[in-house]
Structures are given as C-alpha cells and as structure tokens.
Amino acid sequence: MSSRPRPLPQPAPPALVAVAHGSRDPRALSTVSALLDRVRALRPDVPVHLGHIELNAPLLPGTLAALGDREAVLVPLLLARGHHVKHDIPEAAAASRARTRLAPPLGPHPLLVDVLQDRLTEAGWGGTPRRTSAVVLAAAGSRDPDARADTARTAHLLAARLGVPVVPAYASAAAPTVPEAVRTLLARGRHHIALASCFTAPGRFATECARQAPWIAAAPLGAHPALARLLLHRYDEARARPAAAREPVSA
C-alpha cells in the first residue's frame, strides 16, 4: 500500500520590522503599538517587530540585532522619502546581520488618502460649499526635494478625492508653513479651511500644526485599519524583490 509523500514544511515568512521615528510624546508609542496589533491580526503568520530611529526603545539597531541572520523587511512608518528613508534606515540595515529588504515609505498611496479622508470626516469635514472649502495637508517637512514631492503627490490625490484645493504645509525645514498655507487659501476665497494631519501618531509637530488650524483639525493617522493594510502592502511589495535589494524604491 503506497503512501503519499508528506508536503514539505513552508518556510516562515520574513519578519516585518516597522520603523517608527520615535517621539517624546507617550501617545506616539501607544499609537504605533495599536497599529502593529492590527497588522498582527490581519496576518498572524508574519512576525511583526518595532524599531525606532530615535527617542524611543526599542531602537532599530537593537531590533535587528535580536533577529540575528533572519530575513526581515523594513517598512518605514514614514509618509514620504527623506533622510531617514534614504540614509538612516539603510545604514542600520547594512550594519546588521539580518538579511534585509527595504520597503518604501507609506506615502503617497491611495490607502493613505483613505485614512486622511476618514480622519477629516471624523473631525467634521463636509457640509460646507466646495467653492469656499479647502484643506491644508500638514506634514513634518524635509529639506529633501523627494520628500516634498511625495507630500505634494499625497495632497494632489486628496484634492482629487475631496474635490477641493489641498495645499501641503510643513512643521519644519520646508515651506509653506501652516499659517502661510492658510493665508494663501483665504486670499483665494476659501473660508472653510480644514487641517489634515499627515502624521502617523501624535507628537510635537502634529500638536503644533493642529493648534494653527483656522477651523477643524483632523487627528493623526493612528491605528486606522487602512493604514495597517498599507503597511502590509509595502511589506508584500518589498518581499517580492530580491533580498539583496537594500535600497527602497519610490512608490
């Protein structure tokens, strides 16, 4: 009597290492932890780890060291390209024993726009005439032109979704600031100006930008279900590339 060969065990998927910036605001760590809990619930087979660039433990080098020589996909919990994505994260990956792939940042992407739209709706967006309405998309800011291009692309996608002008503005290192963007929109006859928070979690920049909103201010992206799906989408994209590809590609 012949017996069927047993199927070979499938190799474990690479670890997903979410790379957060880090913040002195205690709400940031709890928010990121809640987001990663959503990711684990969506893909229980994927080992999910957290590493910070600065300010919070665990720091990224320690997270990678604990993985030894295992495979890992590093997904930045950042919303545009910039110094951290282009330099800090690749350098930490290159210095580790782990066999790493690097994913692009979370933005720009339509799933990110889903989250921005939902957060605006939760804050009270809607009900005002489109001809007098507009949005300021507040982001951290960077001197890197690719970072500004990514934020501008996200603003463009959000404007197409909402049917109103969306002007990107920055908390530091780039122009315009939130007050400057508001003045520009007021000069164009837009009197109902909402602030969309292009920040993953609460922190100093997100709080400062919200205080400058002339009307309503949306909450940061937080542990939104679509953000968890976007994180996994970036993981799957990077996983499909060769393990030797350490440089993240643009979206």
C-alpha atoms as a PDB file:
ATOM      1  CA  MET A   1       0.000   0.000   0.000  1.00  0.00           C
ATOM      2  CA  SER A   2       1.579   3.223  -1.164  1.00  0.00           C
ATOM      3  CA  SER A   3       1.566   6.300   0.995  1.00  0.00           C
ATOM      4  CA  ARG A   4       1.519   9.830  -0.266  1.00  0.00           C
ATOM      5  CA  PRO A   5       4.638  11.889   0.462  1.00  0.00           C
ATOM      6  CA  ARG A   6       4.166  14.419   3.162  1.00  0.00           C
ATOM      7  CA  PRO A   7       4.256  18.020   1.950  1.00  0.00           C
ATOM      8  CA  LEU A   8       7.425  19.848   2.786  1.00  0.00           C
ATOM      9  CA  PRO A   9       7.007  22.487   5.525  1.00  0.00           C
ATOM     10  CA  GLN A  10       6.749  26.000   4.196  1.00  0.00           C
ATOM     11  CA  PRO A  11       9.495  28.401   5.277  1.00  0.00           C
ATOM     12  CA  ALA A  12       8.476  31.075   7.737  1.00  0.00           C
ATOM     13  CA  PRO A  13       7.813  34.455   6.141  1.00  0.00           C
ATOM     14  CA  PRO A  14      10.347  37.230   6.684  1.00  0.00           C
ATOM     15  CA  ALA A  15       9.913  39.326   9.781  1.00  0.00           C
ATOM     16  CA  LEU A  16       8.177  42.650   9.306  1.00  0.00           C
ATOM     17  CA  VAL A  17      10.125  45.387  11.086  1.00  0.00           C
ATOM     18  CA  ALA A  18       8.088  48.571  11.334  1.00  0.00           C
ATOM     19  CA  VAL A  19      10.457  51.518  11.629  1.00  0.00           C
ATOM     20  CA  ALA A  20       8.988  54.435  13.555  1.00  0.00           C
ATOM     21  CA  HIS A  21      10.654  57.795  14.034  1.00  0.00           C
ATOM     22  CA  GLY A  22      10.192  57.990  17.798  1.00  0.00           C
ATOM     23  CA  SER A  23       8.728  60.755  19.924  1.00  0.00           C
ATOM     24  CA  ARG A  24       8.852  62.117  23.464  1.00  0.00           C
ATOM     25  CA  ASP A  25       5.041  62.153  23.402  1.00  0.00           C
ATOM     26  CA  PRO A  26       3.943  58.926  25.156  1.00  0.00           C
ATOM     27  CA  ARG A  27       0.890  58.731  22.885  1.00  0.00           C
ATOM     28  CA  ALA A  28       3.147  58.016  19.919  1.00  0.00           C
ATOM     29  CA  LEU A  29       4.403  54.661  21.193  1.00  0.00           C
ATOM     30  CA  SER A  30       0.938  53.516  22.273  1.00  0.00           C
ATOM     31  CA  THR A  31      -0.492  54.521  18.877  1.00  0.00           C
ATOM     32  CA  VAL A  32       2.181  52.666  16.930  1.00  0.00           C
ATOM     33  CA  SER A  33       1.727  49.620  19.170  1.00  0.00           C
ATOM     34  CA  ALA A  34      -2.012  49.619  18.458  1.00  0.00           C
ATOM     35  CA  LEU A  35      -1.335  49.892  14.719  1.00  0.00           C
ATOM     36  CA  LEU A  36       1.008  46.900  14.831  1.00  0.00           C
ATOM     37  CA  ASP A  37      -1.596  44.918  16.761  1.00  0.00           C
ATOM     38  CA  ARG A  38      -3.928  45.480  13.787  1.00  0.00           C
ATOM     39  CA  VAL A  39      -1.201  44.264  11.444  1.00  0.00           C
ATOM     40  CA  ARG A  40      -0.727  41.104  13.517  1.00  0.00           C
ATOM     41  CA  ALA A  41      -4.467  40.468  13.484  1.00  0.00           C
ATOM     42  CA  LEU A  42      -4.534  40.747   9.688  1.00  0.00           C
ATOM     43  CA  ARG A  43      -1.509  38.470   9.146  1.00  0.00           C
ATOM     44  CA  PRO A  44      -0.943  36.246  12.171  1.00  0.00           C
ATOM     45  CA  ASP A  45       1.696  34.255  10.271  1.00  0.00           C
ATOM     46  CA  VAL A  46       4.016  37.258   9.927  1.00  0.00           C
ATOM     47  CA  PRO A  47       6.377  38.042  12.838  1.00  0.00           C
ATOM     48  CA  VAL A  48       5.994  41.782  13.488  1.00  0.00           C
ATOM     49  CA  HIS A  49       8.655  43.826  15.280  1.00  0.00           C
ATOM     50  CA  LEU A  50       9.170  47.506  16.035  1.00  0.00           C
ATOM     51  CA  GLY A  51      12.331  49.589  15.828  1.00  0.00           C
ATOM     52  CA  HIS A  52      12.716  53.339  16.354  1.00  0.00           C
ATOM     53  CA  ILE A  53      15.123  55.708  14.666  1.00  0.00           C
ATOM     54  CA  GLU A  54      15.497  57.745  17.862  1.00  0.00           C
ATOM     55  CA  LEU A  55      13.908  58.784  21.170  1.00  0.00           C
ATOM     56  CA  ASN A  56      12.081  55.522  21.950  1.00  0.00           C
ATOM     57  CA  ALA A  57      13.035  51.933  22.708  1.00  0.00           C
ATOM     58  CA  PRO A  58      13.500  49.595  21.054  1.00  0.00           C
ATOM     59  CA  LEU A  59      15.902  51.337  18.709  1.00  0.00           C
ATOM     60  CA  LEU A  60      16.219  49.894  15.217  1.00  0.00           C
ATOM     61  CA  PRO A  61      19.796  48.507  15.601  1.00  0.00           C
ATOM     62  CA  GLY A  62      18.724  46.568  18.691  1.00  0.00           C
ATOM     63  CA  THR A  63      15.656  45.155  16.963  1.00  0.00           C
ATOM     64  CA  LEU A  64      17.776  43.989  14.024  1.00  0.00           C
ATOM     65  CA  ALA A  65      20.451  42.536  16.295  1.00  0.00           C
ATOM     66  CA  ALA A  66      17.806  40.418  18.033  1.00  0.00           C
ATOM     67  CA  LEU A  67      16.808  38.945  14.663  1.00  0.00           C
ATOM     68  CA  GLY A  68      20.296  37.569  14.063  1.00  0.00           C
ATOM     69  CA  ASP A  69      20.690  36.478  10.447  1.00  0.00           C
ATOM     70  CA  ARG A  70      16.972  36.031   9.776  1.00  0.00           C
ATOM     71  CA  GLU A  71      15.180  37.575   6.821  1.00  0.00           C
ATOM     72  CA  ALA A  72      13.413  40.849   7.524  1.00  0.00           C
ATOM     73  CA  VAL A  73      11.503  43.502   5.605  1.00  0.00           C
ATOM     74  CA  LEU A  74      11.908  47.017   6.994  1.00  0.00           C
ATOM     75  CA  VAL A  75       8.803  49.154   6.493  1.00  0.00           C
ATOM     76  CA  PRO A  76       9.202  52.843   7.414  1.00  0.00           C
ATOM     77  CA  LEU A  77       6.231  54.258   9.312  1.00  0.00           C
ATOM     78  CA  LEU A  78       7.057  57.478   7.489  1.00  0.00           C
ATOM     79  CA  LEU A  79       4.914  59.210   4.899  1.00  0.00           C
ATOM     80  CA  ALA A  80       7.492  60.428   2.393  1.00  0.00           C
ATOM     81  CA  ARG A  81      11.073  59.880   1.316  1.00  0.00           C
ATOM     82  CA  GLY A  82      13.790  61.831   3.087  1.00  0.00           C
ATOM     83  CA  HIS A  83      16.985  61.446   5.091  1.00  0.00           C
ATOM     84  CA  HIS A  84      15.656  58.724   7.390  1.00  0.00           C
ATOM     85  CA  VAL A  85      14.404  56.592   4.486  1.00  0.00           C
ATOM     86  CA  LYS A  86      17.427  57.171   2.262  1.00  0.00           C
ATOM     87  CA  HIS A  87      20.220  57.051   4.849  1.00  0.00           C
ATOM     88  CA  ASP A  88      19.403  56.160   8.462  1.00  0.00           C
ATOM     89  CA  ILE A  89      17.348  53.029   7.788  1.00  0.00           C
ATOM     90  CA  PRO A  90      19.612  51.603   5.019  1.00  0.00           C
ATOM     91  CA  GLU A  91      22.682  52.217   7.177  1.00  0.00           C
ATOM     92  CA  ALA A  92      21.157  50.362  10.118  1.00  0.00           C
ATOM     93  CA  ALA A  93      20.183  47.512   7.792  1.00  0.00           C
ATOM     94  CA  ALA A  94      23.663  47.299   6.257  1.00  0.00           C
ATOM     95  CA  ALA A  95      25.273  47.172   9.697  1.00  0.00           C
ATOM     96  CA  SER A  96      23.125  44.255  10.852  1.00  0.00           C
ATOM     97  CA  ARG A  97      23.461  40.514  10.250  1.00  0.00           C
ATOM     98  CA  ALA A  98      19.830  40.277   9.172  1.00  0.00           C
ATOM     99  CA  ARG A  99      19.064  39.637   5.518  1.00  0.00           C
ATOM    100  CA  THR A 100      17.006  42.712   4.826  1.00  0.00           C
ATOM    101  CA  ARG A 101      14.775  44.193   2.203  1.00  0.00           C
ATOM    102  CA  LEU A 102      13.754  47.848   2.481  1.00  0.00           C
ATOM    103  CA  ALA A 103      10.223  48.977   1.676  1.00  0.00           C
ATOM    104  CA  PRO A 104       9.273  52.477   0.541  1.00  0.00           C
ATOM    105  CA  PRO A 105       7.588  54.858   2.974  1.00  0.00           C
ATOM    106  CA  LEU A 106       3.818  54.616   3.384  1.00  0.00           C
ATOM    107  CA  GLY A 107       3.059  57.579   1.161  1.00  0.00           C
ATOM    108  CA  PRO A 108       1.991  58.533  -1.349  1.00  0.00           C
ATOM    109  CA  HIS A 109      -0.678  55.866  -1.836  1.00  0.00           C
ATOM    110  CA  PRO A 110      -4.495  55.759  -2.228  1.00  0.00           C
ATOM    111  CA  LEU A 111      -4.819  53.855   1.067  1.00  0.00           C
ATOM    112  CA  LEU A 112      -3.125  56.775   2.806  1.00  0.00           C
ATOM    113  CA  VAL A 113      -5.704  59.062   1.229  1.00  0.00           C
ATOM    114  CA  ASP A 114      -8.460  56.799   2.589  1.00  0.00           C
ATOM    115  CA  VAL A 115      -7.146  57.395   6.094  1.00  0.00           C
ATOM    116  CA  LEU A 116      -6.765  61.160   5.622  1.00  0.00           C
ATOM    117  CA  GLN A 117     -10.317  61.413   4.323  1.00  0.00           C
ATOM    118  CA  ASP A 118     -11.733  59.384   7.218  1.00  0.00           C
ATOM    119  CA  ARG A 119      -9.889  61.469   9.809  1.00  0.00           C
ATOM    120  CA  LEU A 120     -11.214  64.666   8.218  1.00  0.00           C
ATOM    121  CA  THR A 121     -14.756  63.290   8.250  1.00  0.00           C
ATOM    122  CA  GLU A 122     -14.398  62.364  11.918  1.00  0.00           C
ATOM    123  CA  ALA A 123     -13.299  65.947  12.639  1.00  0.00           C
ATOM    124  CA  GLY A 124     -16.406  67.408  10.983  1.00  0.00           C
ATOM    125  CA  TRP A 125     -15.476  67.752   7.325  1.00  0.00           C
ATOM    126  CA  GLY A 126     -18.434  68.068   4.961  1.00  0.00           C
ATOM    127  CA  GLY A 127     -21.496  70.233   4.775  1.00  0.00           C
ATOM    128  CA  THR A 128     -19.755  73.389   3.572  1.00  0.00           C
ATOM    129  CA  PRO A 129     -19.833  74.569  -0.058  1.00  0.00           C
ATOM    130  CA  ARG A 130     -16.948  73.267  -2.128  1.00  0.00           C
ATOM    131  CA  ARG A 131     -16.325  76.708  -3.588  1.00  0.00           C
ATOM    132  CA  THR A 132     -15.400  78.035  -0.121  1.00  0.00           C
ATOM    133  CA  SER A 133     -13.735  74.922   1.286  1.00  0.00           C
ATOM    134  CA  ALA A 134     -10.120  73.768   1.236  1.00  0.00           C
ATOM    135  CA  VAL A 135      -7.632  71.636   3.147  1.00  0.00           C
ATOM    136  CA  VAL A 136      -4.128  72.212   4.436  1.00  0.00           C
ATOM    137  CA  LEU A 137      -2.156  68.954   4.480  1.00  0.00           C
ATOM    138  CA  ALA A 138       0.239  69.321   7.411  1.00  0.00           C
ATOM    139  CA  ALA A 139       3.431  67.235   7.304  1.00  0.00           C
ATOM    140  CA  ALA A 140       6.699  67.192   9.210  1.00  0.00           C
ATOM    141  CA  GLY A 141       8.817  68.711   6.440  1.00  0.00           C
ATOM    142  CA  SER A 142      12.219  67.947   4.990  1.00  0.00           C
ATOM    143  CA  ARG A 143      14.962  69.638   3.005  1.00  0.00           C
ATOM    144  CA  ASP A 144      14.913  66.671   0.638  1.00  0.00           C
ATOM    145  CA  PRO A 145      13.058  67.552  -2.594  1.00  0.00           C
ATOM    146  CA  ASP A 146      11.825  63.951  -2.905  1.00  0.00           C
ATOM    147  CA  ALA A 147      10.079  64.257   0.452  1.00  0.00           C
ATOM    148  CA  ARG A 148       8.317  67.422  -0.658  1.00  0.00           C
ATOM    149  CA  ALA A 149       7.381  65.785  -3.967  1.00  0.00           C
ATOM    150  CA  ASP A 150       5.829  62.848  -2.119  1.00  0.00           C
ATOM    151  CA  THR A 151       3.811  65.129   0.145  1.00  0.00           C
ATOM    152  CA  ALA A 152       2.686  67.170  -2.857  1.00  0.00           C
ATOM    153  CA  ARG A 153       1.567  63.954  -4.544  1.00  0.00           C
ATOM    154  CA  THR A 154      -0.450  62.977  -1.474  1.00  0.00           C
ATOM    155  CA  ALA A 155      -2.029  66.449  -1.482  1.00  0.00           C
ATOM    156  CA  HIS A 156      -2.924  66.017  -5.152  1.00  0.00           C
ATOM    157  CA  LEU A 157      -4.555  62.643  -4.506  1.00  0.00           C
ATOM    158  CA  LEU A 158      -6.523  64.042  -1.561  1.00  0.00           C
ATOM    159  CA  ALA A 159      -7.675  67.044  -3.612  1.00  0.00           C
ATOM    160  CA  ALA A 160      -8.942  64.731  -6.335  1.00  0.00           C
ATOM    161  CA  ARG A 161     -10.807  62.698  -3.726  1.00  0.00           C
ATOM    162  CA  LEU A 162     -12.417  65.682  -1.956  1.00  0.00           C
ATOM    163  CA  GLY A 163     -12.946  67.964  -4.941  1.00  0.00           C
ATOM    164  CA  VAL A 164     -11.362  70.973  -3.200  1.00  0.00           C
ATOM    165  CA  PRO A 165      -7.871  72.525  -3.162  1.00  0.00           C
ATOM    166  CA  VAL A 166      -5.371  70.828  -0.846  1.00  0.00           C
ATOM    167  CA  VAL A 167      -2.176  72.736  -0.060  1.00  0.00           C
ATOM    168  CA  PRO A 168       0.763  70.912   1.568  1.00  0.00           C
ATOM    169  CA  ALA A 169       2.344  72.708   4.530  1.00  0.00           C
ATOM    170  CA  TYR A 170       5.201  71.822   6.841  1.00  0.00           C
ATOM    171  CA  ALA A 171       6.080  71.968  10.516  1.00  0.00           C
ATOM    172  CA  SER A 172       9.810  72.452   9.843  1.00  0.00           C
ATOM    173  CA  ALA A 173      12.575  72.545   7.213  1.00  0.00           C
ATOM    174  CA  ALA A 174      10.293  73.422   4.288  1.00  0.00           C
ATOM    175  CA  ALA A 175       7.766  75.999   3.140  1.00  0.00           C
ATOM    176  CA  PRO A 176       4.996  76.930   3.306  1.00  0.00           C
ATOM    177  CA  THR A 177       4.147  76.729   6.986  1.00  0.00           C
ATOM    178  CA  VAL A 178       0.565  76.051   8.043  1.00  0.00           C
ATOM    179  CA  PRO A 179      -0.212  79.774   8.637  1.00  0.00           C
ATOM    180  CA  GLU A 180       1.268  80.645   5.228  1.00  0.00           C
ATOM    181  CA  ALA A 181      -0.829  77.999   3.505  1.00  0.00           C
ATOM    182  CA  VAL A 182      -3.937  79.238   5.307  1.00  0.00           C
ATOM    183  CA  ARG A 183      -3.283  82.822   4.174  1.00  0.00           C
ATOM    184  CA  THR A 184      -2.873  81.636   0.583  1.00  0.00           C
ATOM    185  CA  LEU A 185      -6.219  79.844   0.667  1.00  0.00           C
ATOM    186  CA  LEU A 186      -8.011  82.744   2.355  1.00  0.00           C
ATOM    187  CA  ALA A 187      -6.757  85.029  -0.411  1.00  0.00           C
ATOM    188  CA  ARG A 188      -8.383  82.660  -2.899  1.00  0.00           C
ATOM    189  CA  GLY A 189     -11.749  82.967  -1.179  1.00  0.00           C
ATOM    190  CA  ARG A 190     -11.567  79.697   0.741  1.00  0.00           C
ATOM    191  CA  HIS A 191     -13.019  80.389   4.185  1.00  0.00           C
ATOM    192  CA  HIS A 192     -13.700  76.858   5.425  1.00  0.00           C
ATOM    193  CA  ILE A 193     -10.145  75.542   5.790  1.00  0.00           C
ATOM    194  CA  ALA A 194      -9.581  72.174   7.447  1.00  0.00           C
ATOM    195  CA  LEU A 195      -6.257  70.734   8.513  1.00  0.00           C
ATOM    196  CA  ALA A 196      -5.413  67.165   7.533  1.00  0.00           C
ATOM    197  CA  SER A 197      -2.744  65.629   9.756  1.00  0.00           C
ATOM    198  CA  CYS A 198      -0.129  63.774   7.703  1.00  0.00           C
ATOM    199  CA  PHE A 199       1.482  62.321  10.813  1.00  0.00           C
ATOM    200  CA  THR A 200       1.433  58.678  11.807  1.00  0.00           C
ATOM    201  CA  ALA A 201       0.933  59.359  15.516  1.00  0.00           C
ATOM    202  CA  PRO A 202       0.532  62.242  17.971  1.00  0.00           C
ATOM    203  CA  GLY A 203       3.653  64.238  18.715  1.00  0.00           C
ATOM    204  CA  ARG A 204       5.035  67.762  18.939  1.00  0.00           C
ATOM    205  CA  PHE A 205       4.722  68.642  15.248  1.00  0.00           C
ATOM    206  CA  ALA A 206       1.221  67.204  14.932  1.00  0.00           C
ATOM    207  CA  THR A 207       0.080  69.119  18.018  1.00  0.00           C
ATOM    208  CA  GLU A 208       1.626  72.404  16.883  1.00  0.00           C
ATOM    209  CA  CYS A 209       0.065  72.144  13.421  1.00  0.00           C
ATOM    210  CA  ALA A 210      -3.376  71.322  14.849  1.00  0.00           C
ATOM    211  CA  ARG A 211      -3.259  74.430  17.038  1.00  0.00           C
ATOM    212  CA  GLN A 212      -2.775  76.557  13.905  1.00  0.00           C
ATOM    213  CA  ALA A 213      -5.878  75.226  12.158  1.00  0.00           C
ATOM    214  CA  PRO A 214      -8.363  78.020  11.423  1.00  0.00           C
ATOM    215  CA  TRP A 215     -11.392  75.700  11.508  1.00  0.00           C
ATOM    216  CA  ILE A 216     -11.250  71.934  12.136  1.00  0.00           C
ATOM    217  CA  ALA A 217      -8.167  69.793  12.601  1.00  0.00           C
ATOM    218  CA  ALA A 218      -8.138  66.075  11.873  1.00  0.00           C
ATOM    219  CA  ALA A 219      -6.401  63.630  14.190  1.00  0.00           C
ATOM    220  CA  PRO A 220      -3.172  61.918  13.131  1.00  0.00           C
ATOM    221  CA  LEU A 221      -3.495  58.741  11.103  1.00  0.00           C
ATOM    222  CA  GLY A 222      -3.174  56.443  14.116  1.00  0.00           C
ATOM    223  CA  ALA A 223      -4.214  52.792  14.156  1.00  0.00           C
ATOM    224  CA  HIS A 224      -6.597  53.108  11.214  1.00  0.00           C
ATOM    225  CA  PRO A 225      -7.420  49.771   9.523  1.00  0.00           C
ATOM    226  CA  ALA A 226      -6.429  51.109   6.087  1.00  0.00           C
ATOM    227  CA  LEU A 227      -3.027  52.147   7.457  1.00  0.00           C
ATOM    228  CA  ALA A 228      -2.457  48.596   8.689  1.00  0.00           C
ATOM    229  CA  ARG A 229      -3.351  47.295   5.228  1.00  0.00           C
ATOM    230  CA  LEU A 230      -0.964  49.807   3.657  1.00  0.00           C
ATOM    231  CA  LEU A 231       1.850  48.670   5.923  1.00  0.00           C
ATOM    232  CA  LEU A 232       1.299  45.083   4.811  1.00  0.00           C
ATOM    233  CA  HIS A 233       1.078  46.186   1.175  1.00  0.00           C
ATOM    234  CA  ARG A 234       4.533  47.766   1.460  1.00  0.00           C
ATOM    235  CA  TYR A 235       5.809  44.596   3.154  1.00  0.00           C
ATOM    236  CA  ASP A 236       4.494  42.426   0.328  1.00  0.00           C
ATOM    237  CA  GLU A 237       5.940  44.756  -2.329  1.00  0.00           C
ATOM    238  CA  ALA A 238       9.390  44.611  -0.785  1.00  0.00           C
ATOM    239  CA  ARG A 239       9.179  40.877  -0.154  1.00  0.00           C
ATOM    240  CA  ALA A 240       8.645  40.329  -3.875  1.00  0.00           C
ATOM    241  CA  ARG A 241      12.019  41.939  -4.625  1.00  0.00           C
ATOM    242  CA  PRO A 242      15.379  40.161  -4.235  1.00  0.00           C
ATOM    243  CA  ALA A 243      16.784  40.088  -0.710  1.00  0.00           C
ATOM    244  CA  ALA A 244      19.921  41.883  -1.920  1.00  0.00           C
ATOM    245  CA  ALA A 245      17.873  44.968  -2.869  1.00  0.00           C
ATOM    246  CA  ARG A 246      18.616  47.148   0.099  1.00  0.00           C
ATOM    247  CA  GLU A 247      17.640  50.486  -1.409  1.00  0.00           C
ATOM    248  CA  PRO A 248      13.929  51.378  -1.160  1.00  0.00           C
ATOM    249  CA  VAL A 249      12.203  52.266  -4.398  1.00  0.00           C
ATOM    250  CA  SER A 250       9.775  55.145  -4.751  1.00  0.00           C
ATOM    251  CA  ALA A 251       6.054  54.455  -4.887  1.00  0.00           C
END
